[in-house]
């Protein structure tokens, strides 16, 4: 799980949202960019402190959170 090396949760940064280590860029923000049609190259150009592995880690982290989510039929 590559994301564990790149994602951190720190209550002192962005109220504890998962972020890319060493930045104030949240996983949520990266996913929002991707959902709005940005590709990896656009993200890296506009946020040069990020790497391709950071973007992949954000996706992988989100996937893991969804896998652990419990859904109950009502």
N, C-alpha and C. Protein backbone atom coordinates (compact mmCIF):
# COMPACT_ATOMS: atom_id res chain seq x y z
N UNK A 1 0.83 -1.18 0.00
CA UNK A 1 0.00 0.00 0.00
C UNK A 1 0.88 1.25 0.00
N UNK A 2 1.07 1.75 -1.17
CA UNK A 2 1.94 2.90 -1.38
C UNK A 2 1.45 4.15 -0.65
N UNK A 3 0.14 4.27 -0.49
CA UNK A 3 -0.40 5.50 0.07
C UNK A 3 0.07 5.76 1.49
N UNK A 4 0.36 4.73 2.25
CA UNK A 4 0.77 4.92 3.64
C UNK A 4 2.08 5.70 3.76
N UNK A 5 2.89 5.68 2.72
CA UNK A 5 4.14 6.43 2.73
C UNK A 5 3.93 7.89 2.34
N UNK A 6 2.80 8.21 1.72
CA UNK A 6 2.61 9.53 1.14
C UNK A 6 1.45 10.32 1.73
N UNK A 7 0.54 9.65 2.40
CA UNK A 7 -0.65 10.31 2.95
C UNK A 7 -0.52 10.36 4.47
N UNK A 8 -0.88 11.51 5.03
CA UNK A 8 -0.88 11.62 6.49
C UNK A 8 -2.13 12.34 6.95
N UNK A 9 -2.50 12.06 8.18
CA UNK A 9 -3.61 12.75 8.83
C UNK A 9 -3.02 13.43 10.05
N UNK A 10 -3.05 14.75 10.02
CA UNK A 10 -2.49 15.55 11.10
C UNK A 10 -3.56 16.54 11.54
N UNK A 11 -4.03 16.43 12.78
CA UNK A 11 -5.11 17.32 13.23
C UNK A 11 -4.75 18.81 13.16
N UNK A 12 -3.46 19.13 13.07
CA UNK A 12 -3.03 20.52 12.99
C UNK A 12 -3.00 21.06 11.56
N UNK A 13 -3.25 20.20 10.58
CA UNK A 13 -3.24 20.63 9.18
C UNK A 13 -4.58 20.30 8.54
N UNK A 14 -5.26 21.30 8.03
CA UNK A 14 -6.57 21.15 7.38
C UNK A 14 -7.57 20.36 8.24
N UNK A 15 -7.54 20.62 9.52
CA UNK A 15 -8.47 20.01 10.47
C UNK A 15 -8.44 18.48 10.41
N UNK A 16 -7.29 17.92 10.09
CA UNK A 16 -7.15 16.47 10.10
C UNK A 16 -7.56 15.75 8.84
N UNK A 17 -7.85 16.50 7.76
CA UNK A 17 -8.16 15.82 6.49
C UNK A 17 -6.90 15.11 6.00
N UNK A 18 -7.05 14.00 5.31
CA UNK A 18 -5.88 13.33 4.76
C UNK A 18 -5.21 14.23 3.71
N UNK A 19 -3.89 14.39 3.85
CA UNK A 19 -3.12 15.25 2.95
C UNK A 19 -1.90 14.51 2.42
N UNK A 20 -1.31 15.05 1.39
CA UNK A 20 -0.02 14.56 0.91
C UNK A 20 1.02 15.06 1.89
N UNK A 21 1.84 14.17 2.40
CA UNK A 21 2.87 14.53 3.38
C UNK A 21 3.71 15.69 2.87
N UNK A 22 3.99 16.62 3.78
CA UNK A 22 4.84 17.76 3.45
C UNK A 22 4.14 18.86 2.69
N UNK A 23 2.82 18.74 2.50
CA UNK A 23 2.05 19.77 1.81
C UNK A 23 0.79 20.07 2.61
N UNK A 24 0.03 21.00 2.10
CA UNK A 24 -1.31 21.27 2.63
C UNK A 24 -2.34 20.91 1.56
N UNK A 25 -1.97 19.99 0.67
CA UNK A 25 -2.85 19.56 -0.40
C UNK A 25 -3.56 18.29 0.04
N UNK A 26 -4.89 18.36 0.08
CA UNK A 26 -5.67 17.23 0.58
C UNK A 26 -5.96 16.21 -0.52
N UNK A 27 -6.18 15.00 -0.07
CA UNK A 27 -6.63 13.93 -0.97
C UNK A 27 -7.92 14.37 -1.64
N UNK A 28 -8.81 14.95 -0.88
CA UNK A 28 -10.08 15.43 -1.41
C UNK A 28 -9.87 16.40 -2.57
N UNK A 29 -8.93 17.33 -2.43
CA UNK A 29 -8.67 18.31 -3.47
C UNK A 29 -8.16 17.64 -4.75
N UNK A 30 -7.26 16.68 -4.60
CA UNK A 30 -6.74 15.97 -5.76
C UNK A 30 -7.87 15.23 -6.47
N UNK A 31 -8.71 14.56 -5.72
CA UNK A 31 -9.85 13.85 -6.32
C UNK A 31 -10.81 14.82 -7.01
N UNK A 32 -10.99 15.98 -6.41
CA UNK A 32 -11.87 16.98 -7.02
C UNK A 32 -11.31 17.43 -8.37
N UNK A 33 -10.00 17.66 -8.42
CA UNK A 33 -9.38 18.04 -9.70
C UNK A 33 -9.59 16.95 -10.74
N UNK A 34 -9.35 15.71 -10.36
CA UNK A 34 -9.53 14.60 -11.30
C UNK A 34 -10.99 14.49 -11.74
N UNK A 35 -11.92 14.66 -10.81
CA UNK A 35 -13.35 14.57 -11.13
C UNK A 35 -13.78 15.70 -12.07
N UNK A 36 -13.06 16.81 -12.03
CA UNK A 36 -13.37 17.94 -12.90
C UNK A 36 -12.62 17.88 -14.23
N UNK A 37 -12.01 16.73 -14.51
CA UNK A 37 -11.41 16.53 -15.81
C UNK A 37 -9.94 16.84 -15.93
N UNK A 38 -9.31 17.22 -14.84
CA UNK A 38 -7.87 17.48 -14.90
C UNK A 38 -7.15 16.16 -15.08
N UNK A 39 -6.10 16.15 -15.88
CA UNK A 39 -5.28 14.94 -15.98
C UNK A 39 -4.03 15.12 -15.12
N UNK A 40 -3.28 14.06 -15.00
CA UNK A 40 -2.09 14.08 -14.14
C UNK A 40 -1.14 15.19 -14.52
N UNK A 41 -0.93 15.37 -15.81
CA UNK A 41 0.01 16.39 -16.28
C UNK A 41 -0.43 17.79 -15.86
N UNK A 42 -1.73 18.08 -15.94
CA UNK A 42 -2.23 19.39 -15.53
C UNK A 42 -2.02 19.61 -14.03
N UNK A 43 -2.29 18.58 -13.26
CA UNK A 43 -2.11 18.70 -11.81
C UNK A 43 -0.64 18.95 -11.49
N UNK A 44 0.24 18.18 -12.09
CA UNK A 44 1.68 18.33 -11.80
C UNK A 44 2.20 19.69 -12.25
N UNK A 45 1.69 20.21 -13.35
CA UNK A 45 2.12 21.52 -13.84
C UNK A 45 1.69 22.63 -12.89
N UNK A 46 0.46 22.52 -12.37
CA UNK A 46 -0.08 23.55 -11.50
C UNK A 46 0.33 23.39 -10.04
N UNK A 47 0.71 22.20 -9.66
CA UNK A 47 1.12 21.91 -8.28
C UNK A 47 2.44 21.14 -8.32
N UNK A 48 3.53 21.84 -8.64
CA UNK A 48 4.82 21.17 -8.85
C UNK A 48 5.39 20.48 -7.61
N UNK A 49 4.84 20.76 -6.45
CA UNK A 49 5.29 20.06 -5.24
C UNK A 49 4.77 18.63 -5.19
N UNK A 50 3.82 18.30 -6.06
CA UNK A 50 3.28 16.94 -6.13
C UNK A 50 4.05 16.10 -7.15
N UNK A 51 3.95 14.79 -6.97
CA UNK A 51 4.51 13.85 -7.94
C UNK A 51 3.38 12.95 -8.43
N UNK A 52 3.65 12.24 -9.49
CA UNK A 52 2.67 11.28 -10.00
C UNK A 52 2.33 10.26 -8.92
N UNK A 53 3.32 9.83 -8.16
CA UNK A 53 3.07 8.87 -7.08
C UNK A 53 2.16 9.45 -6.00
N UNK A 54 2.23 10.76 -5.76
CA UNK A 54 1.31 11.40 -4.80
C UNK A 54 -0.13 11.30 -5.29
N UNK A 55 -0.33 11.53 -6.57
CA UNK A 55 -1.68 11.46 -7.14
C UNK A 55 -2.20 10.03 -7.06
N UNK A 56 -1.36 9.08 -7.41
CA UNK A 56 -1.77 7.67 -7.32
C UNK A 56 -2.05 7.27 -5.88
N UNK A 57 -1.27 7.80 -4.94
CA UNK A 57 -1.49 7.50 -3.53
C UNK A 57 -2.84 8.04 -3.07
N UNK A 58 -3.22 9.22 -3.54
CA UNK A 58 -4.52 9.79 -3.19
C UNK A 58 -5.65 8.91 -3.69
N UNK A 59 -5.52 8.40 -4.90
CA UNK A 59 -6.54 7.50 -5.46
C UNK A 59 -6.57 6.20 -4.68
N UNK A 60 -5.39 5.66 -4.40
CA UNK A 60 -5.32 4.39 -3.66
C UNK A 60 -5.89 4.54 -2.25
N UNK A 61 -5.59 5.65 -1.59
CA UNK A 61 -6.14 5.90 -0.25
C UNK A 61 -7.67 5.92 -0.30
N UNK A 62 -8.20 6.62 -1.28
CA UNK A 62 -9.66 6.71 -1.42
C UNK A 62 -10.28 5.35 -1.69
N UNK A 63 -9.64 4.57 -2.52
CA UNK A 63 -10.12 3.22 -2.80
C UNK A 63 -10.16 2.39 -1.52
N UNK A 64 -9.11 2.49 -0.71
CA UNK A 64 -9.05 1.73 0.53
C UNK A 64 -10.17 2.15 1.48
N UNK A 65 -10.42 3.45 1.57
CA UNK A 65 -11.51 3.94 2.43
C UNK A 65 -12.84 3.38 1.97
N UNK A 66 -13.08 3.37 0.67
CA UNK A 66 -14.34 2.83 0.14
C UNK A 66 -14.45 1.33 0.37
N UNK A 67 -13.35 0.62 0.26
CA UNK A 67 -13.38 -0.83 0.50
C UNK A 67 -13.76 -1.15 1.94
N UNK A 68 -13.36 -0.28 2.85
CA UNK A 68 -13.63 -0.51 4.27
C UNK A 68 -15.00 -0.01 4.70
N UNK A 69 -15.67 0.72 3.82
CA UNK A 69 -16.99 1.27 4.15
C UNK A 69 -18.01 0.14 4.28
N UNK A 70 -18.82 0.26 5.29
CA UNK A 70 -19.89 -0.71 5.52
C UNK A 70 -21.19 -0.13 4.97
N UNK A 71 -21.90 -0.90 4.17
CA UNK A 71 -23.16 -0.49 3.60
C UNK A 71 -24.25 -1.45 4.05
N UNK A 72 -25.34 -0.90 4.52
CA UNK A 72 -26.44 -1.72 5.02
C UNK A 72 -27.70 -1.41 4.23
N UNK A 73 -28.35 -2.45 3.73
CA UNK A 73 -29.62 -2.27 3.02
C UNK A 73 -30.70 -1.96 4.03
N UNK A 74 -31.57 -1.03 3.66
CA UNK A 74 -32.68 -0.69 4.57
C UNK A 74 -34.01 -0.87 3.85
